[in-house]
């Protein structure tokens, strides 16, 4: 079973959009930060199943924040990374700095 990023963004929009917009960007970002902390704990000492759940939660909160901000993540990813590394422009990065 697979889901595209567009599908996932639309699903999150349908499930949570009303309360997400009411909460706003700042509070949504704080929830994202909390989930990143939970992912860090799972990476440090969690099971594979716990890690999978936390990765999914972090992605869901990134998508939620993008929805609140009106950002289409597929378009943003293509714009920034679709032609290669934003730094060197290559498909296999040769930069010494992070993009």
PDB file of N, CA and C in Angstrom:
ATOM      1  N   UNK A   1       0.848  -1.183   0.000  1.00  0.00           N
ATOM      2  CA  UNK A   1       0.000   0.000   0.000  1.00  0.00           C
ATOM      3  C   UNK A   1       0.892   1.245   0.000  1.00  0.00           C
ATOM      4  N   UNK A   2       0.637   2.134  -0.917  1.00  0.00           N
ATOM      5  CA  UNK A   2       1.435   3.349  -0.954  1.00  0.00           C
ATOM      6  C   UNK A   2       0.524   4.569  -1.017  1.00  0.00           C
ATOM      7  N   UNK A   3       1.085   5.690  -0.637  1.00  0.00           N
ATOM      8  CA  UNK A   3       0.361   6.953  -0.623  1.00  0.00           C
ATOM      9  C   UNK A   3       1.339   8.026  -1.084  1.00  0.00           C
ATOM     10  N   UNK A   4       0.908   8.855  -2.006  1.00  0.00           N
ATOM     11  CA  UNK A   4       1.774   9.950  -2.434  1.00  0.00           C
ATOM     12  C   UNK A   4       1.761  11.045  -1.375  1.00  0.00           C
ATOM     13  N   UNK A   5       2.713  11.936  -1.473  1.00  0.00           N
ATOM     14  CA  UNK A   5       2.745  13.076  -0.563  1.00  0.00           C
ATOM     15  C   UNK A   5       1.495  13.933  -0.744  1.00  0.00           C
ATOM     16  N   UNK A   6       1.058  14.124  -1.996  1.00  0.00           N
ATOM     17  CA  UNK A   6      -0.175  14.877  -2.242  1.00  0.00           C
ATOM     18  C   UNK A   6      -1.370  14.205  -1.577  1.00  0.00           C
ATOM     19  N   UNK A   7      -1.460  12.871  -1.686  1.00  0.00           N
ATOM     20  CA  UNK A   7      -2.547  12.128  -1.039  1.00  0.00           C
ATOM     21  C   UNK A   7      -2.520  12.340   0.469  1.00  0.00           C
ATOM     22  N   UNK A   8      -1.332  12.240   1.046  1.00  0.00           N
ATOM     23  CA  UNK A   8      -1.201  12.380   2.495  1.00  0.00           C
ATOM     24  C   UNK A   8      -1.552  13.794   2.936  1.00  0.00           C
ATOM     25  N   UNK A   9      -1.094  14.787   2.194  1.00  0.00           N
ATOM     26  CA  UNK A   9      -1.404  16.168   2.555  1.00  0.00           C
ATOM     27  C   UNK A   9      -2.913  16.404   2.487  1.00  0.00           C
ATOM     28  N   UNK A  10      -3.571  15.856   1.479  1.00  0.00           N
ATOM     29  CA  UNK A  10      -5.022  15.993   1.362  1.00  0.00           C
ATOM     30  C   UNK A  10      -5.744  15.252   2.491  1.00  0.00           C
ATOM     31  N   UNK A  11      -5.252  14.077   2.862  1.00  0.00           N
ATOM     32  CA  UNK A  11      -5.848  13.313   3.954  1.00  0.00           C
ATOM     33  C   UNK A  11      -5.763  14.086   5.270  1.00  0.00           C
ATOM     34  N   UNK A  12      -4.594  14.614   5.565  1.00  0.00           N
ATOM     35  CA  UNK A  12      -4.415  15.394   6.796  1.00  0.00           C
ATOM     36  C   UNK A  12      -5.316  16.626   6.763  1.00  0.00           C
ATOM     37  N   UNK A  13      -5.425  17.255   5.604  1.00  0.00           N
ATOM     38  CA  UNK A  13      -6.309  18.418   5.451  1.00  0.00           C
ATOM     39  C   UNK A  13      -7.755  18.042   5.793  1.00  0.00           C
ATOM     40  N   UNK A  14      -8.227  16.920   5.240  1.00  0.00           N
ATOM     41  CA  UNK A  14      -9.614  16.487   5.505  1.00  0.00           C
ATOM     42  C   UNK A  14      -9.821  16.139   6.975  1.00  0.00           C
ATOM     43  N   UNK A  15      -8.872  15.455   7.567  1.00  0.00           N
ATOM     44  CA  UNK A  15      -9.059  14.966   8.936  1.00  0.00           C
ATOM     45  C   UNK A  15      -8.958  16.069   9.979  1.00  0.00           C
ATOM     46  N   UNK A  16      -8.044  17.011   9.769  1.00  0.00           N
ATOM     47  CA  UNK A  16      -7.694  17.913  10.871  1.00  0.00           C
ATOM     48  C   UNK A  16      -7.763  19.400  10.567  1.00  0.00           C
ATOM     49  N   UNK A  17      -8.148  19.805   9.364  1.00  0.00           N
ATOM     50  CA  UNK A  17      -7.986  21.208   8.962  1.00  0.00           C
ATOM     51  C   UNK A  17      -8.670  22.204   9.886  1.00  0.00           C
ATOM     52  N   UNK A  18      -9.853  21.902  10.352  1.00  0.00           N
ATOM     53  CA  UNK A  18     -10.572  22.875  11.189  1.00  0.00           C
ATOM     54  C   UNK A  18      -9.800  23.174  12.471  1.00  0.00           C
ATOM     55  N   UNK A  19      -9.416  22.149  13.194  1.00  0.00           N
ATOM     56  CA  UNK A  19      -8.702  22.417  14.451  1.00  0.00           C
ATOM     57  C   UNK A  19      -7.273  22.886  14.215  1.00  0.00           C
ATOM     58  N   UNK A  20      -6.662  22.448  13.100  1.00  0.00           N
ATOM     59  CA  UNK A  20      -5.303  22.910  12.801  1.00  0.00           C
ATOM     60  C   UNK A  20      -5.273  24.413  12.589  1.00  0.00           C
ATOM     61  N   UNK A  21      -6.187  24.926  11.800  1.00  0.00           N
ATOM     62  CA  UNK A  21      -6.208  26.375  11.531  1.00  0.00           C
ATOM     63  C   UNK A  21      -6.589  27.168  12.780  1.00  0.00           C
ATOM     64  N   UNK A  22      -7.454  26.594  13.583  1.00  0.00           N
ATOM     65  CA  UNK A  22      -7.826  27.254  14.844  1.00  0.00           C
ATOM     66  C   UNK A  22      -6.619  27.327  15.782  1.00  0.00           C
ATOM     67  N   UNK A  23      -5.823  26.262  15.810  1.00  0.00           N
ATOM     68  CA  UNK A  23      -4.633  26.219  16.662  1.00  0.00           C
ATOM     69  C   UNK A  23      -3.598  27.222  16.184  1.00  0.00           C
ATOM     70  N   UNK A  24      -3.435  27.353  14.861  1.00  0.00           N
ATOM     71  CA  UNK A  24      -2.484  28.293  14.295  1.00  0.00           C
ATOM     72  C   UNK A  24      -1.088  27.712  14.132  1.00  0.00           C
ATOM     73  N   UNK A  25      -0.262  28.469  13.426  1.00  0.00           N
ATOM     74  CA  UNK A  25       1.085  28.007  13.078  1.00  0.00           C
ATOM     75  C   UNK A  25       2.004  27.841  14.278  1.00  0.00           C
ATOM     76  N   UNK A  26       1.976  28.784  15.203  1.00  0.00           N
ATOM     77  CA  UNK A  26       2.903  28.721  16.338  1.00  0.00           C
ATOM     78  C   UNK A  26       2.652  27.491  17.195  1.00  0.00           C
ATOM     79  N   UNK A  27       1.402  27.262  17.566  1.00  0.00           N
ATOM     80  CA  UNK A  27       1.080  26.097  18.396  1.00  0.00           C
ATOM     81  C   UNK A  27       1.306  24.795  17.629  1.00  0.00           C
ATOM     82  N   UNK A  28       1.023  24.804  16.339  1.00  0.00           N
ATOM     83  CA  UNK A  28       1.259  23.620  15.520  1.00  0.00           C
ATOM     84  C   UNK A  28       2.749  23.306  15.450  1.00  0.00           C
ATOM     85  N   UNK A  29       3.563  24.344  15.316  1.00  0.00           N
ATOM     86  CA  UNK A  29       5.012  24.139  15.299  1.00  0.00           C
ATOM     87  C   UNK A  29       5.487  23.549  16.635  1.00  0.00           C
ATOM     88  N   UNK A  30       4.926  23.984  17.732  1.00  0.00           N
ATOM     89  CA  UNK A  30       5.306  23.427  19.033  1.00  0.00           C
ATOM     90  C   UNK A  30       4.945  21.949  19.127  1.00  0.00           C
ATOM     91  N   UNK A  31       3.794  21.551  18.575  1.00  0.00           N
ATOM     92  CA  UNK A  31       3.437  20.131  18.534  1.00  0.00           C
ATOM     93  C   UNK A  31       4.456  19.353  17.698  1.00  0.00           C
ATOM     94  N   UNK A  32       4.870  19.937  16.568  1.00  0.00           N
ATOM     95  CA  UNK A  32       5.884  19.301  15.730  1.00  0.00           C
ATOM     96  C   UNK A  32       7.174  19.091  16.521  1.00  0.00           C
ATOM     97  N   UNK A  33       7.584  20.107  17.257  1.00  0.00           N
ATOM     98  CA  UNK A  33       8.812  19.992  18.063  1.00  0.00           C
ATOM     99  C   UNK A  33       8.693  18.887  19.101  1.00  0.00           C
ATOM    100  N   UNK A  34       7.533  18.771  19.715  1.00  0.00           N
ATOM    101  CA  UNK A  34       7.312  17.696  20.695  1.00  0.00           C
ATOM    102  C   UNK A  34       7.443  16.333  20.021  1.00  0.00           C
ATOM    103  N   UNK A  35       6.879  16.206  18.824  1.00  0.00           N
ATOM    104  CA  UNK A  35       6.978  14.935  18.101  1.00  0.00           C
ATOM    105  C   UNK A  35       8.410  14.620  17.691  1.00  0.00           C
ATOM    106  N   UNK A  36       9.182  15.633  17.328  1.00  0.00           N
ATOM    107  CA  UNK A  36      10.595  15.406  17.003  1.00  0.00           C
ATOM    108  C   UNK A  36      11.328  14.882  18.238  1.00  0.00           C
ATOM    109  N   UNK A  37      11.005  15.407  19.400  1.00  0.00           N
ATOM    110  CA  UNK A  37      11.590  14.897  20.638  1.00  0.00           C
ATOM    111  C   UNK A  37      11.231  13.438  20.884  1.00  0.00           C
ATOM    112  N   UNK A  38       9.979  13.073  20.615  1.00  0.00           N
ATOM    113  CA  UNK A  38       9.560  11.683  20.768  1.00  0.00           C
ATOM    114  C   UNK A  38      10.282  10.782  19.765  1.00  0.00           C
ATOM    115  N   UNK A  39      10.513  11.299  18.548  1.00  0.00           N
ATOM    116  CA  UNK A  39      11.276  10.538  17.561  1.00  0.00           C
ATOM    117  C   UNK A  39      12.713  10.333  18.035  1.00  0.00           C
ATOM    118  N   UNK A  40      13.300  11.370  18.608  1.00  0.00           N
ATOM    119  CA  UNK A  40      14.672  11.250  19.118  1.00  0.00           C
ATOM    120  C   UNK A  40      14.757  10.152  20.181  1.00  0.00           C
ATOM    121  N   UNK A  41      13.783  10.109  21.070  1.00  0.00           N
ATOM    122  CA  UNK A  41      13.769   9.075  22.113  1.00  0.00           C
ATOM    123  C   UNK A  41      13.601   7.690  21.498  1.00  0.00           C
ATOM    124  N   UNK A  42      12.752   7.572  20.494  1.00  0.00           N
ATOM    125  CA  UNK A  42      12.542   6.273  19.839  1.00  0.00           C
ATOM    126  C   UNK A  42      13.799   5.825  19.108  1.00  0.00           C
ATOM    127  N   UNK A  43      14.484   6.750  18.453  1.00  0.00           N
ATOM    128  CA  UNK A  43      15.730   6.395  17.762  1.00  0.00           C
ATOM    129  C   UNK A  43      16.767   5.919  18.774  1.00  0.00           C
ATOM    130  N   UNK A  44      16.810   6.572  19.913  1.00  0.00           N
ATOM    131  CA  UNK A  44      17.797   6.223  20.936  1.00  0.00           C
ATOM    132  C   UNK A  44      17.530   4.850  21.538  1.00  0.00           C
ATOM    133  N   UNK A  45      16.260   4.541  21.825  1.00  0.00           N
ATOM    134  CA  UNK A  45      16.017   3.305  22.568  1.00  0.00           C
ATOM    135  C   UNK A  45      14.719   2.599  22.223  1.00  0.00           C
ATOM    136  N   UNK A  46      14.076   2.992  21.149  1.00  0.00           N
ATOM    137  CA  UNK A  46      12.789   2.406  20.808  1.00  0.00           C
ATOM    138  C   UNK A  46      12.898   1.194  19.901  1.00  0.00           C
ATOM    139  N   UNK A  47      11.768   0.517  19.786  1.00  0.00           N
ATOM    140  CA  UNK A  47      11.665  -0.608  18.859  1.00  0.00           C
ATOM    141  C   UNK A  47      11.471  -0.071  17.443  1.00  0.00           C
ATOM    142  N   UNK A  48      11.587  -0.935  16.485  1.00  0.00           N
ATOM    143  CA  UNK A  48      11.333  -0.537  15.092  1.00  0.00           C
ATOM    144  C   UNK A  48       9.915   0.002  14.950  1.00  0.00           C
ATOM    145  N   UNK A  49       8.955  -0.653  15.570  1.00  0.00           N
ATOM    146  CA  UNK A  49       7.556  -0.218  15.501  1.00  0.00           C
ATOM    147  C   UNK A  49       7.381   1.179  16.103  1.00  0.00           C
ATOM    148  N   UNK A  50       8.028   1.449  17.219  1.00  0.00           N
ATOM    149  CA  UNK A  50       7.954   2.787  17.828  1.00  0.00           C
ATOM    150  C   UNK A  50       8.588   3.831  16.918  1.00  0.00           C
ATOM    151  N   UNK A  51       9.722   3.492  16.314  1.00  0.00           N
ATOM    152  CA  UNK A  51      10.372   4.423  15.383  1.00  0.00           C
ATOM    153  C   UNK A  51       9.464   4.726  14.198  1.00  0.00           C
ATOM    154  N   UNK A  52       8.866   3.693  13.616  1.00  0.00           N
ATOM    155  CA  UNK A  52       7.954   3.895  12.488  1.00  0.00           C
ATOM    156  C   UNK A  52       6.819   4.846  12.867  1.00  0.00           C
ATOM    157  N   UNK A  53       6.233   4.624  14.034  1.00  0.00           N
ATOM    158  CA  UNK A  53       5.140   5.484  14.492  1.00  0.00           C
ATOM    159  C   UNK A  53       5.571   6.920  14.682  1.00  0.00           C
ATOM    160  N   UNK A  54       6.749   7.120  15.231  1.00  0.00           N
ATOM    161  CA  UNK A  54       7.226   8.484  15.471  1.00  0.00           C
ATOM    162  C   UNK A  54       7.629   9.180  14.173  1.00  0.00           C
ATOM    163  N   UNK A  55       8.234   8.442  13.233  1.00  0.00           N
ATOM    164  CA  UNK A  55       8.510   9.048  11.923  1.00  0.00           C
ATOM    165  C   UNK A  55       7.198   9.483  11.267  1.00  0.00           C
ATOM    166  N   UNK A  56       6.182   8.641  11.340  1.00  0.00           N
ATOM    167  CA  UNK A  56       4.881   8.981  10.763  1.00  0.00           C
ATOM    168  C   UNK A  56       4.286  10.210  11.439  1.00  0.00           C
ATOM    169  N   UNK A  57       4.404  10.286  12.760  1.00  0.00           N
ATOM    170  CA  UNK A  57       3.875  11.445  13.490  1.00  0.00           C
ATOM    171  C   UNK A  57       4.596  12.731  13.095  1.00  0.00           C
ATOM    172  N   UNK A  58       5.921  12.677  12.988  1.00  0.00           N
ATOM    173  CA  UNK A  58       6.679  13.876  12.603  1.00  0.00           C
ATOM    174  C   UNK A  58       6.262  14.326  11.204  1.00  0.00           C
ATOM    175  N   UNK A  59       6.158  13.382  10.279  1.00  0.00           N
ATOM    176  CA  UNK A  59       5.744  13.742   8.928  1.00  0.00           C
ATOM    177  C   UNK A  59       4.338  14.339   8.940  1.00  0.00           C
ATOM    178  N   UNK A  60       3.436  13.760   9.717  1.00  0.00           N
ATOM    179  CA  UNK A  60       2.068  14.281   9.795  1.00  0.00           C
ATOM    180  C   UNK A  60       2.049  15.710  10.314  1.00  0.00           C
ATOM    181  N   UNK A  61       2.880  16.027  11.295  1.00  0.00           N
ATOM    182  CA  UNK A  61       2.902  17.388  11.830  1.00  0.00           C
ATOM    183  C   UNK A  61       3.568  18.362  10.871  1.00  0.00           C
ATOM    184  N   UNK A  62       4.557  17.915  10.093  1.00  0.00           N
ATOM    185  CA  UNK A  62       5.135  18.772   9.052  1.00  0.00           C
ATOM    186  C   UNK A  62       4.054  19.090   8.014  1.00  0.00           C
ATOM    187  N   UNK A  63       3.313  18.069   7.607  1.00  0.00           N
ATOM    188  CA  UNK A  63       2.231  18.261   6.639  1.00  0.00           C
ATOM    189  C   UNK A  63       1.157  19.174   7.222  1.00  0.00           C
ATOM    190  N   UNK A  64       0.816  18.984   8.478  1.00  0.00           N
ATOM    191  CA  UNK A  64      -0.167  19.838   9.138  1.00  0.00           C
ATOM    192  C   UNK A  64       0.264  21.296   9.098  1.00  0.00           C
ATOM    193  N   UNK A  65       1.516  21.545   9.443  1.00  0.00           N
ATOM    194  CA  UNK A  65       2.025  22.917   9.449  1.00  0.00           C
ATOM    195  C   UNK A  65       2.019  23.501   8.037  1.00  0.00           C
ATOM    196  N   UNK A  66       2.380  22.702   7.056  1.00  0.00           N
ATOM    197  CA  UNK A  66       2.328  23.164   5.665  1.00  0.00           C
ATOM    198  C   UNK A  66       0.899  23.518   5.277  1.00  0.00           C
ATOM    199  N   UNK A  67      -0.060  22.698   5.671  1.00  0.00           N
ATOM    200  CA  UNK A  67      -1.456  22.995   5.372  1.00  0.00           C
ATOM    201  C   UNK A  67      -1.902  24.297   6.018  1.00  0.00           C
ATOM    202  N   UNK A  68      -1.554  24.503   7.264  1.00  0.00           N
ATOM    203  CA  UNK A  68      -1.928  25.740   7.970  1.00  0.00           C
ATOM    204  C   UNK A  68      -1.336  26.943   7.249  1.00  0.00           C
ATOM    205  N   UNK A  69      -0.115  26.780   6.729  1.00  0.00           N
ATOM    206  CA  UNK A  69       0.573  27.875   6.041  1.00  0.00           C
ATOM    207  C   UNK A  69       0.217  27.974   4.555  1.00  0.00           C
ATOM    208  N   UNK A  70      -0.605  27.033   4.052  1.00  0.00           N
ATOM    209  CA  UNK A  70      -1.006  27.070   2.655  1.00  0.00           C
ATOM    210  C   UNK A  70       0.096  26.675   1.687  1.00  0.00           C
ATOM    211  N   UNK A  71       0.968  25.774   2.102  1.00  0.00           N
ATOM    212  CA  UNK A  71       2.096  25.321   1.284  1.00  0.00           C
ATOM    213  C   UNK A  71       1.800  23.935   0.725  1.00  0.00           C
ATOM    214  N   UNK A  72       1.917  23.769  -0.586  1.00  0.00           N
ATOM    215  CA  UNK A  72       1.830  22.461  -1.207  1.00  0.00           C
ATOM    216  C   UNK A  72       3.225  21.855  -1.158  1.00  0.00           C
ATOM    217  N   UNK A  73       3.378  20.808  -0.379  1.00  0.00           N
ATOM    218  CA  UNK A  73       4.705  20.241  -0.161  1.00  0.00           C
ATOM    219  C   UNK A  73       5.301  19.612  -1.412  1.00  0.00           C
ATOM    220  N   UNK A  74       4.496  18.972  -2.227  1.00  0.00           N
ATOM    221  CA  UNK A  74       5.033  18.390  -3.459  1.00  0.00           C
ATOM    222  C   UNK A  74       5.633  19.472  -4.348  1.00  0.00           C
ATOM    223  N   UNK A  75       4.908  20.569  -4.497  1.00  0.00           N
ATOM    224  CA  UNK A  75       5.406  21.673  -5.322  1.00  0.00           C
ATOM    225  C   UNK A  75       6.662  22.282  -4.707  1.00  0.00           C
ATOM    226  N   UNK A  76       6.670  22.444  -3.391  1.00  0.00           N
ATOM    227  CA  UNK A  76       7.835  23.026  -2.721  1.00  0.00           C
ATOM    228  C   UNK A  76       9.060  22.129  -2.858  1.00  0.00           C
ATOM    229  N   UNK A  77       8.859  20.820  -2.720  1.00  0.00           N
ATOM    230  CA  UNK A  77       9.975  19.879  -2.866  1.00  0.00           C
ATOM    231  C   UNK A  77      10.511  19.883  -4.288  1.00  0.00           C
ATOM    232  N   UNK A  78       9.609  19.892  -5.247  1.00  0.00           N
ATOM    233  CA  UNK A  78      10.055  19.897  -6.645  1.00  0.00           C
ATOM    234  C   UNK A  78      10.817  21.185  -6.950  1.00  0.00           C
ATOM    235  N   UNK A  79      10.306  22.300  -6.470  1.00  0.00           N
ATOM    236  CA  UNK A  79      10.951  23.593  -6.720  1.00  0.00           C
ATOM    237  C   UNK A  79      12.362  23.629  -6.131  1.00  0.00           C
ATOM    238  N   UNK A  80      12.522  23.097  -4.930  1.00  0.00           N
ATOM    239  CA  UNK A  80      13.824  23.184  -4.256  1.00  0.00           C
ATOM    240  C   UNK A  80      14.783  22.075  -4.670  1.00  0.00           C
ATOM    241  N   UNK A  81      14.281  20.847  -4.835  1.00  0.00           N
ATOM    242  CA  UNK A  81      15.161  19.695  -5.057  1.00  0.00           C
ATOM    243  C   UNK A  81      14.940  18.968  -6.380  1.00  0.00           C
ATOM    244  N   UNK A  82      13.958  19.375  -7.171  1.00  0.00           N
ATOM    245  CA  UNK A  82      13.590  18.657  -8.380  1.00  0.00           C
ATOM    246  C   UNK A  82      14.655  18.629  -9.459  1.00  0.00           C
ATOM    247  N   UNK A  83      15.521  19.611  -9.481  1.00  0.00           N
ATOM    248  CA  UNK A  83      16.574  19.666 -10.499  1.00  0.00           C
ATOM    249  C   UNK A  83      17.929  19.223  -9.957  1.00  0.00           C
ATOM    250  N   UNK A  84      17.970  18.819  -8.695  1.00  0.00           N
ATOM    251  CA  UNK A  84      19.229  18.400  -8.080  1.00  0.00           C
ATOM    252  C   UNK A  84      19.488  19.181  -6.807  1.00  0.00           C
ATOM    253  N   UNK A  85      20.689  19.071  -6.318  1.00  0.00           N
ATOM    254  CA  UNK A  85      21.092  19.749  -5.089  1.00  0.00           C
ATOM    255  C   UNK A  85      20.941  21.264  -5.263  1.00  0.00           C
ATOM    256  N   UNK A  86      20.301  21.939  -4.300  1.00  0.00           N
ATOM    257  CA  UNK A  86      20.177  23.397  -4.406  1.00  0.00           C
ATOM    258  C   UNK A  86      21.519  24.119  -4.390  1.00  0.00           C
ATOM    259  N   UNK A  87      22.556  23.478  -3.852  1.00  0.00           N
ATOM    260  CA  UNK A  87      23.874  24.105  -3.791  1.00  0.00           C
ATOM    261  C   UNK A  87      24.679  23.944  -5.069  1.00  0.00           C
ATOM    262  N   UNK A  88      24.894  22.690  -5.475  1.00  0.00           N
ATOM    263  CA  UNK A  88      25.759  22.433  -6.631  1.00  0.00           C
ATOM    264  C   UNK A  88      24.978  22.127  -7.901  1.00  0.00           C
ATOM    265  N   UNK A  89      23.690  21.845  -7.777  1.00  0.00           N
ATOM    266  CA  UNK A  89      22.861  21.565  -8.938  1.00  0.00           C
ATOM    267  C   UNK A  89      22.964  20.149  -9.464  1.00  0.00           C
ATOM    268  N   UNK A  90      23.741  19.301  -8.822  1.00  0.00           N
ATOM    269  CA  UNK A  90      23.939  17.929  -9.290  1.00  0.00           C
ATOM    270  C   UNK A  90      22.958  16.974  -8.624  1.00  0.00           C
ATOM    271  N   UNK A  91      22.673  15.861  -9.311  1.00  0.00           N
ATOM    272  CA  UNK A  91      21.786  14.825  -8.754  1.00  0.00           C
ATOM    273  C   UNK A  91      22.475  14.041  -7.639  1.00  0.00           C
ATOM    274  N   UNK A  92      23.787  13.966  -7.680  1.00  0.00           N
ATOM    275  CA  UNK A  92      24.571  13.398  -6.578  1.00  0.00           C
ATOM    276  C   UNK A  92      25.423  14.548  -6.059  1.00  0.00           C
ATOM    277  N   UNK A  93      25.059  15.058  -4.905  1.00  0.00           N
ATOM    278  CA  UNK A  93      25.658  16.280  -4.355  1.00  0.00           C
ATOM    279  C   UNK A  93      27.157  16.135  -4.146  1.00  0.00           C
ATOM    280  N   UNK A  94      27.860  17.217  -4.516  1.00  0.00           N
ATOM    281  CA  UNK A  94      29.296  17.291  -4.271  1.00  0.00           C
ATOM    282  C   UNK A  94      29.635  18.466  -3.355  1.00  0.00           C
ATOM    283  N   UNK A  95      28.610  19.069  -2.772  1.00  0.00           N
ATOM    284  CA  UNK A  95      28.825  20.221  -1.879  1.00  0.00           C
ATOM    285  C   UNK A  95      29.506  19.798  -0.580  1.00  0.00           C
ATOM    286  N   UNK A  96      30.244  20.710  -0.017  1.00  0.00           N
ATOM    287  CA  UNK A  96      30.809  20.493   1.314  1.00  0.00           C
ATOM    288  C   UNK A  96      29.930  21.118   2.373  1.00  0.00           C
ATOM    289  N   UNK A  97      28.980  21.929   1.962  1.00  0.00           N
ATOM    290  CA  UNK A  97      28.055  22.567   2.896  1.00  0.00           C
ATOM    291  C   UNK A  97      26.679  21.986   2.693  1.00  0.00           C
ATOM    292  N   UNK A  98      25.866  21.997   3.755  1.00  0.00           N
ATOM    293  CA  UNK A  98      24.502  21.504   3.590  1.00  0.00           C
ATOM    294  C   UNK A  98      23.680  22.525   2.826  1.00  0.00           C
ATOM    295  N   UNK A  99      22.748  22.030   1.968  1.00  0.00           N
ATOM    296  CA  UNK A  99      21.941  22.960   1.178  1.00  0.00           C
ATOM    297  C   UNK A  99      20.928  23.710   2.023  1.00  0.00           C
TER     298      UNK A  99
END
